[in-house]
Protein backbone atom coordinates (compact mmCIF):
# COMPACT_ATOMS: atom_id res chain seq x y z
CA MET A 1 -12.49 -11.25 -2.45
CA LYS A 2 -15.12 -11.95 -5.08
CA MET A 3 -16.33 -9.41 -7.62
CA PHE A 4 -20.02 -9.45 -8.53
CA TYR A 5 -21.61 -8.23 -11.76
CA GLU A 6 -25.07 -7.71 -13.26
CA LYS A 7 -25.36 -11.44 -13.94
CA ASP A 8 -25.13 -12.06 -10.19
CA ALA A 9 -28.04 -9.78 -9.28
CA ASN A 10 -31.73 -9.30 -9.95
CA VAL A 11 -31.30 -6.03 -11.81
CA ASN A 12 -35.07 -5.52 -12.02
CA LEU A 13 -35.70 -5.57 -8.27
CA ILE A 14 -34.97 -1.88 -7.76
CA LYS A 15 -37.15 -0.90 -10.72
CA ASP A 16 -40.33 -1.65 -8.78
CA LYS A 17 -39.29 0.53 -5.83
CA LYS A 18 -39.98 4.15 -5.04
CA VAL A 19 -36.53 5.65 -4.46
CA ALA A 20 -35.87 8.97 -2.74
CA ILE A 21 -32.41 10.46 -3.21
CA PHE A 22 -31.65 12.83 -0.32
CA GLY A 23 -29.36 15.54 -1.68
CA TYR A 24 -28.42 16.57 -5.21
CA GLY A 25 -24.69 17.15 -4.96
CA SER A 26 -21.90 15.18 -6.61
CA GLN A 27 -23.20 11.72 -5.66
CA GLY A 28 -26.87 12.72 -5.50
CA HIS A 29 -27.20 13.85 -9.08
CA ALA A 30 -25.32 10.78 -10.33
CA HIS A 31 -27.43 8.26 -8.41
CA ALA A 32 -30.72 9.91 -9.34
CA LEU A 33 -29.96 10.19 -13.05
CA ASN A 34 -28.35 6.75 -13.35
CA LEU A 35 -31.33 5.14 -11.61
CA LYS A 36 -33.71 6.97 -13.92
CA ASP A 37 -31.77 5.90 -17.02
CA SER A 38 -31.68 2.31 -15.73
CA GLY A 39 -35.47 2.13 -15.77
CA VAL A 40 -36.35 3.05 -12.20
CA GLU A 41 -39.52 5.00 -12.91
CA ASN A 42 -40.24 6.31 -9.42
CA VAL A 43 -37.23 8.41 -8.46
CA VAL A 44 -37.51 11.67 -6.54
CA VAL A 45 -34.92 14.06 -5.17
CA ALA A 46 -35.47 15.12 -1.56
CA LEU A 47 -34.29 18.66 -0.78
CA ARG A 48 -34.70 21.18 1.99
CA ASP A 49 -36.98 24.14 1.37
CA GLY A 50 -35.25 26.81 -0.67
CA SER A 51 -32.47 24.56 -1.93
CA ALA A 52 -30.53 25.96 -4.88
CA SER A 53 -30.38 22.42 -6.29
CA LYS A 54 -34.10 22.27 -6.98
CA LYS A 55 -33.84 23.91 -10.41
CA LYS A 56 -30.90 21.66 -11.36
CA ALA A 57 -32.86 18.51 -10.52
CA GLU A 58 -36.05 19.66 -12.21
CA SER A 59 -34.14 20.67 -15.35
CA GLU A 60 -33.17 16.98 -15.69
CA GLY A 61 -36.81 15.90 -15.48
CA LEU A 62 -36.61 14.77 -11.86
CA LYS A 63 -39.38 15.34 -9.33
CA VAL A 64 -38.42 17.18 -6.15
CA MET A 65 -40.06 16.61 -2.77
CA SER A 66 -39.49 17.91 0.73
CA LEU A 67 -37.33 15.79 3.04
CA SER A 68 -40.21 14.65 5.24
CA ASP A 69 -42.62 13.94 2.39
CA ALA A 70 -40.01 11.95 0.52
CA ALA A 71 -39.27 9.79 3.58
CA GLU A 72 -42.97 8.92 3.92
CA TRP A 73 -43.32 8.18 0.20
CA ALA A 74 -40.23 6.08 -0.44
CA ASP A 75 -39.52 2.36 -0.35
CA VAL A 76 -35.80 3.19 -0.41
CA VAL A 77 -34.27 6.32 1.11
CA MET A 78 -30.69 6.88 -0.11
CA VAL A 79 -28.99 9.50 2.06
CA LEU A 80 -26.43 11.44 -0.01
CA THR A 81 -26.30 14.69 1.92
CA PRO A 82 -22.98 15.79 3.51
CA ASP A 83 -21.86 13.52 6.36
CA GLU A 84 -22.16 16.29 8.92
CA LEU A 85 -25.87 16.82 8.16
CA GLN A 86 -27.05 13.23 7.98
CA ALA A 87 -27.74 12.59 11.68
CA SER A 88 -29.97 15.64 12.07
CA ILE A 89 -31.78 14.91 8.79
CA TYR A 90 -32.42 11.34 9.93
CA LYS A 91 -33.71 12.46 13.33
CA ASN A 92 -35.88 15.32 12.07
CA HIS A 93 -37.19 14.04 8.74
CA ILE A 94 -36.64 10.31 8.33
CA GLU A 95 -36.80 8.32 11.56
CA GLN A 96 -40.49 8.81 12.33
CA ARG A 97 -41.69 9.01 8.75
CA MET A 98 -40.29 6.00 6.93
CA ARG A 99 -42.84 3.23 6.60
CA GLN A 100 -42.21 -0.03 8.43
CA GLY A 101 -40.10 -2.50 6.50
CA THR A 102 -38.62 0.00 4.06
CA SER A 103 -34.92 0.51 3.34
CA LEU A 104 -32.45 3.14 4.49
CA ALA A 105 -29.31 3.39 2.35
CA PHE A 106 -26.00 5.24 2.37
CA ALA A 107 -23.00 5.69 0.07
CA HIS A 108 -20.55 6.03 2.96
CA GLY A 109 -20.47 4.21 6.29
CA LEU A 110 -19.45 7.04 8.62
CA ASN A 111 -22.76 7.86 10.33
CA ILE A 112 -23.72 4.23 10.86
CA HIS A 113 -20.26 2.91 11.81
CA PHE A 114 -19.60 5.65 14.38
CA ASN A 115 -23.17 5.49 15.77
CA LEU A 116 -24.15 9.01 14.78
CA ILE A 117 -27.30 7.38 13.39
CA ASN A 118 -28.97 4.49 15.22
CA SER A 119 -31.54 3.27 12.73
CA ARG A 120 -34.94 1.84 13.60
CA LYS A 121 -34.96 -1.92 14.11
CA ASP A 122 -37.61 -2.60 11.46
CA LEU A 123 -35.65 -0.94 8.64
CA ASP A 124 -33.24 -2.59 6.26
CA VAL A 125 -29.97 -0.64 6.23
CA PHE A 126 -27.50 -1.08 3.38
CA MET A 127 -24.73 0.75 1.61
CA VAL A 128 -23.80 1.18 -2.04
CA ALA A 129 -20.57 3.18 -2.28
CA PRO A 130 -19.22 3.94 -5.76
CA LYS A 131 -15.43 4.14 -5.65
CA GLY A 132 -15.18 7.48 -7.38
CA PRO A 133 -16.58 11.04 -7.28
CA GLY A 134 -20.19 11.41 -8.36
CA HIS A 135 -19.29 13.24 -11.54
CA LEU A 136 -17.35 10.16 -12.66
CA VAL A 137 -20.18 7.87 -11.56
CA ARG A 138 -22.41 9.77 -13.98
CA SER A 139 -19.97 10.21 -16.87
CA GLU A 140 -18.80 6.58 -16.84
CA TYR A 141 -22.41 5.39 -16.85
CA GLN A 142 -23.19 7.62 -19.82
CA LYS A 143 -20.26 6.07 -21.69
CA GLY A 144 -21.78 2.63 -21.18
CA GLY A 145 -19.52 1.66 -18.31
CA GLY A 146 -19.61 2.23 -14.60
CA VAL A 147 -17.62 2.90 -11.46
CA PRO A 148 -16.95 -0.13 -9.20
CA CYS A 149 -19.09 -0.16 -6.05
CA LEU A 150 -18.68 -1.41 -2.52
CA MET A 151 -21.85 -2.97 -1.11
CA ALA A 152 -22.64 -3.77 2.53
CA VAL A 153 -25.64 -4.70 4.64
CA HIS A 154 -25.78 -3.34 8.19
CA LYS A 155 -29.29 -4.52 9.07
CA ASP A 156 -31.36 -7.13 7.22
CA SER A 157 -34.77 -6.95 8.86
CA SER A 158 -36.62 -8.19 5.77
CA GLY A 159 -34.20 -10.91 4.75
CA LYS A 160 -33.98 -9.26 1.32
CA ALA A 161 -31.63 -6.35 1.96
CA ARG A 162 -28.65 -7.83 0.14
CA ASP A 163 -30.65 -8.56 -3.01
CA LEU A 164 -31.99 -5.01 -3.08
CA ALA A 165 -28.56 -3.52 -2.45
CA MET A 166 -27.09 -5.53 -5.32
CA SER A 167 -29.90 -4.40 -7.61
CA TYR A 168 -29.40 -0.77 -6.61
CA ALA A 169 -25.64 -1.05 -7.22
CA CYS A 170 -26.31 -2.36 -10.72
CA ALA A 171 -28.71 0.48 -11.46
CA VAL A 172 -26.06 3.13 -10.71
CA GLY A 173 -23.52 1.33 -12.92
CA GLY A 174 -21.63 -0.82 -10.44
CA GLY A 175 -22.76 -4.09 -11.98
CA ARG A 176 -21.02 -3.16 -15.23
CA SER A 177 -17.62 -2.69 -13.61
CA GLY A 178 -17.81 -4.79 -10.46
CA ILE A 179 -19.37 -4.89 -6.99
CA ILE A 180 -17.39 -5.91 -3.91
CA GLU A 181 -19.21 -7.01 -0.75
CA THR A 182 -17.77 -5.49 2.43
CA THR A 183 -18.82 -4.00 5.78
CA PHE A 184 -19.70 -0.46 6.87
CA LYS A 185 -16.60 -0.50 9.11
CA ASP A 186 -14.13 -1.49 6.41
CA GLU A 187 -15.57 0.89 3.82
CA CYS A 188 -15.63 3.82 6.20
CA GLU A 189 -12.16 3.42 7.67
CA THR A 190 -10.37 2.65 4.39
CA ASP A 191 -12.20 5.46 2.59
CA LEU A 192 -11.26 8.07 5.19
CA PHE A 193 -7.66 6.82 5.21
CA GLY A 194 -7.34 6.89 1.42
CA GLU A 195 -8.78 10.40 1.20
CA GLN A 196 -6.59 11.83 3.91
CA THR A 197 -3.22 10.21 3.23
CA VAL A 198 -3.08 9.62 -0.52
CA LEU A 199 -5.93 10.71 -2.78
CA CYS A 200 -6.71 14.16 -1.42
CA GLY A 201 -4.60 15.18 1.57
CA GLY A 202 -1.36 13.51 0.55
CA LEU A 203 -1.57 14.36 -3.13
CA VAL A 204 -2.55 18.00 -2.64
CA GLU A 205 0.28 18.62 -0.18
CA LEU A 206 2.77 16.86 -2.48
CA ILE A 207 1.66 19.05 -5.41
CA LYS A 208 1.77 22.28 -3.39
CA ASN A 209 5.19 21.57 -1.92
CA GLY A 210 6.62 20.62 -5.31
CA PHE A 211 5.24 23.82 -6.84
CA GLU A 212 6.61 25.94 -4.00
CA THR A 213 10.06 24.30 -4.19
CA LEU A 214 10.39 25.12 -7.89
CA THR A 215 9.06 28.68 -7.68
CA GLU A 216 11.15 29.48 -4.60
CA ALA A 217 14.18 28.31 -6.59
CA GLY A 218 13.35 30.90 -9.25
CA TYR A 219 11.61 28.81 -11.89
CA PRO A 220 8.58 30.30 -13.69
CA PRO A 221 5.28 29.39 -11.93
CA GLU A 222 3.82 28.26 -15.26
CA MET A 223 6.54 25.63 -15.65
CA ALA A 224 6.15 24.59 -12.02
CA TYR A 225 2.40 24.17 -12.55
CA PHE A 226 2.85 21.90 -15.56
CA GLU A 227 5.50 19.77 -13.83
CA THR A 228 3.76 19.32 -10.48
CA LEU A 229 0.01 19.50 -11.22
CA HIS A 230 -0.94 19.35 -14.90
CA GLU A 231 0.98 16.15 -15.60
CA VAL A 232 -0.46 14.33 -12.59
CA LYS A 233 -3.48 13.32 -14.65
CA LEU A 234 -1.29 11.94 -17.44
CA ILE A 235 0.67 9.79 -15.01
CA VAL A 236 -2.38 8.66 -13.01
CA ASP A 237 -4.20 7.65 -16.20
CA LEU A 238 -1.32 5.31 -17.04
CA ILE A 239 -1.35 3.81 -13.53
CA TYR A 240 -5.16 3.47 -13.64
CA GLU A 241 -4.96 1.68 -16.98
CA GLY A 242 -2.33 -0.92 -16.08
CA GLY A 243 -0.73 -0.35 -12.70
CA ILE A 244 2.64 1.17 -11.80
CA ALA A 245 4.49 -1.07 -14.28
CA ASN A 246 2.33 0.32 -17.11
CA MET A 247 3.32 3.85 -16.15
CA ASN A 248 6.99 2.90 -16.01
CA TYR A 249 6.71 1.30 -19.48
CA SER A 250 5.47 4.61 -20.87
CA ILE A 251 7.89 7.04 -19.24
CA SER A 252 11.60 7.43 -20.02
CA ASN A 253 14.30 5.33 -18.38
CA THR A 254 15.59 8.54 -16.82
CA ALA A 255 12.21 9.22 -15.21
CA GLU A 256 11.92 5.63 -13.99
CA TYR A 257 15.41 5.71 -12.47
CA GLY A 258 14.55 9.00 -10.75
CA GLU A 259 11.43 7.35 -9.36
CA TYR A 260 13.50 4.62 -7.71
CA VAL A 261 16.29 6.79 -6.26
CA SER A 262 14.32 9.91 -5.25
CA GLY A 263 10.79 8.75 -4.46
CA LYS A 264 11.85 7.16 -1.17
CA LYS A 265 13.55 10.40 -0.11
CA ILE A 266 10.18 12.15 -0.28
CA VAL A 267 7.90 9.43 1.05
CA ASP A 268 10.03 7.57 3.59
CA PRO A 269 9.41 5.23 6.55
CA LYS A 270 8.58 8.24 8.72
CA THR A 271 5.77 9.09 6.30
CA LYS A 272 4.37 5.60 6.77
CA GLU A 273 4.52 6.00 10.54
CA ARG A 274 2.50 9.20 10.26
CA MET A 275 0.03 7.36 8.02
CA LYS A 276 -0.38 4.82 10.80
CA GLU A 277 -1.13 7.67 13.22
CA VAL A 278 -3.81 8.97 10.86
CA LEU A 279 -5.31 5.48 10.57
CA LYS A 280 -5.36 5.12 14.36
CA ASP A 281 -7.27 8.41 14.69
CA ILE A 282 -9.76 7.22 12.11
CA GLN A 283 -10.28 3.80 13.70
CA SER A 284 -10.74 5.22 17.20
CA GLY A 285 -13.33 7.75 16.05
CA LYS A 286 -11.08 10.68 17.01
CA PHE A 287 -11.16 12.16 13.50
CA THR A 288 -14.94 11.83 13.21
CA LYS A 289 -15.45 13.53 16.58
CA GLN A 290 -13.04 16.30 15.59
CA TRP A 291 -14.93 16.86 12.31
CA MET A 292 -18.36 16.85 13.94
CA ASP A 293 -17.15 19.29 16.62
CA GLU A 294 -15.80 21.52 13.83
CA CYS A 295 -19.21 21.48 12.18
CA LYS A 296 -21.02 22.25 15.44
CA GLY A 297 -18.71 25.24 15.85
CA GLY A 298 -19.67 26.69 12.48
CA GLN A 299 -16.81 25.17 10.42
CA LYS A 300 -14.62 28.22 11.07
CA ASN A 301 -11.28 26.41 10.71
CA PHE A 302 -12.54 24.40 7.74
CA LEU A 303 -13.69 27.50 5.86
CA ARG A 304 -10.46 29.33 6.70
CA MET A 305 -8.36 26.49 5.28
CA ARG A 306 -10.54 26.35 2.15
CA GLU A 307 -9.99 30.11 1.65
CA GLU A 308 -6.24 29.74 2.15
CA LEU A 309 -6.06 27.08 -0.54
CA ALA A 310 -8.05 29.25 -2.95
CA LYS A 311 -5.45 32.00 -2.50
CA HIS A 312 -2.46 29.71 -3.14
CA PRO A 313 -0.41 30.77 -6.20
CA ILE A 314 -0.85 27.35 -7.82
CA GLU A 315 -4.60 27.94 -8.03
CA LYS A 316 -4.15 31.38 -9.56
CA VAL A 317 -1.59 30.39 -12.20
CA GLY A 318 -3.59 27.24 -12.89
CA LYS A 319 -6.71 29.19 -13.76
CA LYS A 320 -4.78 31.39 -16.20
CA LEU A 321 -3.21 28.40 -17.92
CA ARG A 322 -6.46 26.44 -18.15
CA ASP A 323 -8.10 29.46 -19.78
CA LEU A 324 -5.46 29.11 -22.50
CA MET A 325 -6.34 25.41 -22.94
CA PRO A 326 -10.11 25.46 -23.60
CA TRP A 327 -10.14 21.81 -24.65
CA ILE A 328 -9.67 20.80 -20.99
CA GLY A 329 -13.08 22.16 -20.08
CA LYS A 330 -14.85 21.17 -23.28
CA ASN A 331 -16.24 17.99 -21.78
CA LYS A 332 -15.69 18.82 -18.14
CA LEU A 333 -16.88 16.48 -15.44
CA VAL A 334 -17.87 19.24 -13.03
CA ASP A 335 -20.35 21.81 -14.32
CA LYS A 336 -21.53 23.77 -11.29
CA ALA A 337 -24.55 25.07 -13.20
CA LYS A 338 -25.84 21.53 -13.72
CA ASN A 339 -24.36 19.32 -11.03
């Protein structure tokens, strides 16, 4: 699989386009500000009437338009609203308003791959998916780097969709760190699998269960927090920098030996079988249907589970400890007042 960089793209192509960023959440704020800083002069943020994000966007010098007006104005519409809202936004504000021959873009393949959105035949449809949360997409760009991006073309009505997608990826920082060409299917299915089994679902449950095991055995919750949550970043940074071997080079021989003899007791072949079940549900569309049905029903189960997590002891002790370590938040990635 080849990696592409700025030298492989026409980085100026996107600069002549009028780009509307739909949504100003984690990814939305990063795309809009990175595009602006890359020399794209005509960038607007498209928000629903009464959106609380309007002041945040305007405070960064960005113009805000309504969803429908932005769709009519733009050469490129990048949809960065939550997955569960995209189909209705497309139907009600985008489909009949985008000019012929313009481009519809996404940062995740779910709505296109699972046919929740069936785009007009005359539109180019592409994807630029940074492989990291939006707050990192912005902070890495500001440091002079970037987050690697996946790029895919679903529909090339103009014959120029790939060139524009590459240019867009460079403008949000992907060309600095690497762009990989893929498909909407592969991006969507691997992304959902990674989130659910390792990066979010798997990791959170591993942390919670480790914390509970130590506290139930009588150890202080503060010590359990440091051992099962706080140090995760330190270990992951080592893996990120140079792989698993780099982490093992840095830790003690005792820790490395414990990794070999105990790790497989926690994550065993049965865990892998359950991962395969999760992947099957993703590939078949079962998970997407379940999530969309949850949203249609008012997200009651989703909001209940979010509330339960907020009440978990690890969140409470964590807040107290982080308040005692102000340097952690000194240059925080997530500032809810701004992004």
